[in-house]
Amino acid sequence: MKRAGRTRFDPVFVICRSGGRSAIAARQLVDAGYTNVWNLVEGFEGDKNPETGQRELNGWRNAGLPWAYKLSSDTAWQPATGN
């Protein structure tokens, strides 16, 4: 991360489909010395509905929070350019 202009003290947000894999990744980052790690517990798609088998019970997308397939430089972090 230092190469990208970040340190172990800067915030790191981790997300996966349902929250399980990102929880493991977040723990590994903490164990590696990162001090400001955040995991999106419900994940992007959330849990499966037992009646439909679809991931539609919770999660970022199902909460109606903003997301897109394509990100512009206004909405995505861009690495610092070398000086």
C-alpha atoms as a PDB file:
ATOM      1  CA  MET A   1       0.000   0.000   0.000  1.00  0.00           C
ATOM      2  CA  LYS A   2       2.879   2.386   0.643  1.00  0.00           C
ATOM      3  CA  ARG A   3       3.723   2.262  -3.056  1.00  0.00           C
ATOM      4  CA  ALA A   4       0.190   3.546  -3.813  1.00  0.00           C
ATOM      5  CA  GLY A   5       0.565   6.469  -1.382  1.00  0.00           C
ATOM      6  CA  ARG A   6      -1.202   4.795   1.544  1.00  0.00           C
ATOM      7  CA  THR A   7      -0.042   3.531   4.941  1.00  0.00           C
ATOM      8  CA  ARG A   8      -1.199   0.872   7.405  1.00  0.00           C
ATOM      9  CA  PHE A   9      -3.105   3.634   9.238  1.00  0.00           C
ATOM     10  CA  ASP A  10      -5.325   4.679   6.315  1.00  0.00           C
ATOM     11  CA  PRO A  11      -8.834   3.179   6.101  1.00  0.00           C
ATOM     12  CA  VAL A  12      -9.214  -0.085   4.176  1.00  0.00           C
ATOM     13  CA  PHE A  13     -12.721  -1.292   3.295  1.00  0.00           C
ATOM     14  CA  VAL A  14     -13.183  -4.962   2.426  1.00  0.00           C
ATOM     15  CA  ILE A  15     -16.263  -6.431   0.731  1.00  0.00           C
ATOM     16  CA  CYS A  16     -17.279  -9.709  -0.901  1.00  0.00           C
ATOM     17  CA  ARG A  17     -20.583 -11.214  -2.015  1.00  0.00           C
ATOM     18  CA  SER A  18     -21.956 -12.229   1.392  1.00  0.00           C
ATOM     19  CA  GLY A  19     -19.426 -10.991   3.972  1.00  0.00           C
ATOM     20  CA  GLY A  20     -17.654 -14.240   4.899  1.00  0.00           C
ATOM     21  CA  ARG A  21     -14.540 -14.038   2.733  1.00  0.00           C
ATOM     22  CA  SER A  22     -14.121 -10.326   3.383  1.00  0.00           C
ATOM     23  CA  ALA A  23     -14.210 -11.018   7.144  1.00  0.00           C
ATOM     24  CA  ILE A  24     -11.268 -13.406   6.700  1.00  0.00           C
ATOM     25  CA  ALA A  25      -9.410 -10.859   4.576  1.00  0.00           C
ATOM     26  CA  ALA A  26     -10.073  -8.107   7.126  1.00  0.00           C
ATOM     27  CA  ARG A  27      -8.690 -10.293   9.922  1.00  0.00           C
ATOM     28  CA  GLN A  28      -5.569 -11.011   7.858  1.00  0.00           C
ATOM     29  CA  LEU A  29      -5.040  -7.285   7.284  1.00  0.00           C
ATOM     30  CA  VAL A  30      -5.387  -6.576  11.019  1.00  0.00           C
ATOM     31  CA  ASP A  31      -2.966  -9.405  11.783  1.00  0.00           C
ATOM     32  CA  ALA A  32      -0.538  -7.827   9.269  1.00  0.00           C
ATOM     33  CA  GLY A  33      -0.620  -4.545  11.195  1.00  0.00           C
ATOM     34  CA  TYR A  34      -3.323  -2.530   9.443  1.00  0.00           C
ATOM     35  CA  THR A  35      -5.134  -0.484  12.074  1.00  0.00           C
ATOM     36  CA  ASN A  36      -8.165   0.981  10.300  1.00  0.00           C
ATOM     37  CA  VAL A  37      -9.850  -2.009   8.583  1.00  0.00           C
ATOM     38  CA  TRP A  38     -13.589  -2.183   7.900  1.00  0.00           C
ATOM     39  CA  ASN A  39     -15.609  -5.187   6.695  1.00  0.00           C
ATOM     40  CA  LEU A  40     -19.055  -4.875   5.137  1.00  0.00           C
ATOM     41  CA  VAL A  41     -20.612  -7.619   7.291  1.00  0.00           C
ATOM     42  CA  GLU A  42     -23.623  -8.387   5.075  1.00  0.00           C
ATOM     43  CA  GLY A  43     -21.569  -8.263   1.876  1.00  0.00           C
ATOM     44  CA  PHE A  44     -22.627  -6.844  -1.448  1.00  0.00           C
ATOM     45  CA  GLU A  45     -25.469  -9.281  -2.219  1.00  0.00           C
ATOM     46  CA  GLY A  46     -26.305 -10.456   1.301  1.00  0.00           C
ATOM     47  CA  ASP A  47     -27.861 -13.725   2.430  1.00  0.00           C
ATOM     48  CA  LYS A  48     -29.962 -16.144   0.426  1.00  0.00           C
ATOM     49  CA  ASN A  49     -33.712 -16.111   0.849  1.00  0.00           C
ATOM     50  CA  PRO A  50     -34.572 -19.726   1.785  1.00  0.00           C
ATOM     51  CA  GLU A  51     -37.817 -19.509  -0.209  1.00  0.00           C
ATOM     52  CA  THR A  52     -36.299 -18.311  -3.494  1.00  0.00           C
ATOM     53  CA  GLY A  53     -32.628 -19.273  -3.199  1.00  0.00           C
ATOM     54  CA  GLN A  54     -31.715 -15.746  -4.324  1.00  0.00           C
ATOM     55  CA  ARG A  55     -29.400 -13.409  -2.418  1.00  0.00           C
ATOM     56  CA  GLU A  56     -31.997 -10.783  -1.577  1.00  0.00           C
ATOM     57  CA  LEU A  57     -32.291 -10.501   2.221  1.00  0.00           C
ATOM     58  CA  ASN A  58     -29.687  -7.877   3.083  1.00  0.00           C
ATOM     59  CA  GLY A  59     -26.383  -6.578   1.778  1.00  0.00           C
ATOM     60  CA  TRP A  60     -25.286  -3.366   0.125  1.00  0.00           C
ATOM     61  CA  ARG A  61     -27.211  -3.768  -3.130  1.00  0.00           C
ATOM     62  CA  ASN A  62     -30.446  -4.969  -1.518  1.00  0.00           C
ATOM     63  CA  ALA A  63     -30.380  -2.019   0.893  1.00  0.00           C
ATOM     64  CA  GLY A  64     -30.666   0.277  -2.110  1.00  0.00           C
ATOM     65  CA  LEU A  65     -27.229   1.783  -1.579  1.00  0.00           C
ATOM     66  CA  PRO A  66     -25.398   3.249  -4.601  1.00  0.00           C
ATOM     67  CA  TRP A  67     -23.406   0.986  -6.906  1.00  0.00           C
ATOM     68  CA  ALA A  68     -22.541   0.715 -10.584  1.00  0.00           C
ATOM     69  CA  TYR A  69     -20.812  -1.634 -13.003  1.00  0.00           C
ATOM     70  CA  LYS A  70     -18.599   1.164 -14.286  1.00  0.00           C
ATOM     71  CA  LEU A  71     -16.893   3.682 -12.004  1.00  0.00           C
ATOM     72  CA  SER A  72     -15.684   7.111 -12.965  1.00  0.00           C
ATOM     73  CA  SER A  73     -12.667   8.808 -11.419  1.00  0.00           C
ATOM     74  CA  ASP A  74     -15.155  10.820  -9.325  1.00  0.00           C
ATOM     75  CA  THR A  75     -16.467   7.711  -7.558  1.00  0.00           C
ATOM     76  CA  ALA A  76     -13.390   5.456  -7.326  1.00  0.00           C
ATOM     77  CA  TRP A  77     -10.142   6.014  -5.442  1.00  0.00           C
ATOM     78  CA  GLN A  78      -7.285   6.667  -7.820  1.00  0.00           C
ATOM     79  CA  PRO A  79      -3.663   5.931  -6.880  1.00  0.00           C
ATOM     80  CA  ALA A  80      -1.416   8.933  -6.408  1.00  0.00           C
ATOM     81  CA  THR A  81       0.767   9.663  -9.413  1.00  0.00           C
ATOM     82  CA  GLY A  82       4.521   9.650  -8.951  1.00  0.00           C
ATOM     83  CA  ASN A  83       6.297  12.963  -8.667  1.00  0.00           C
END
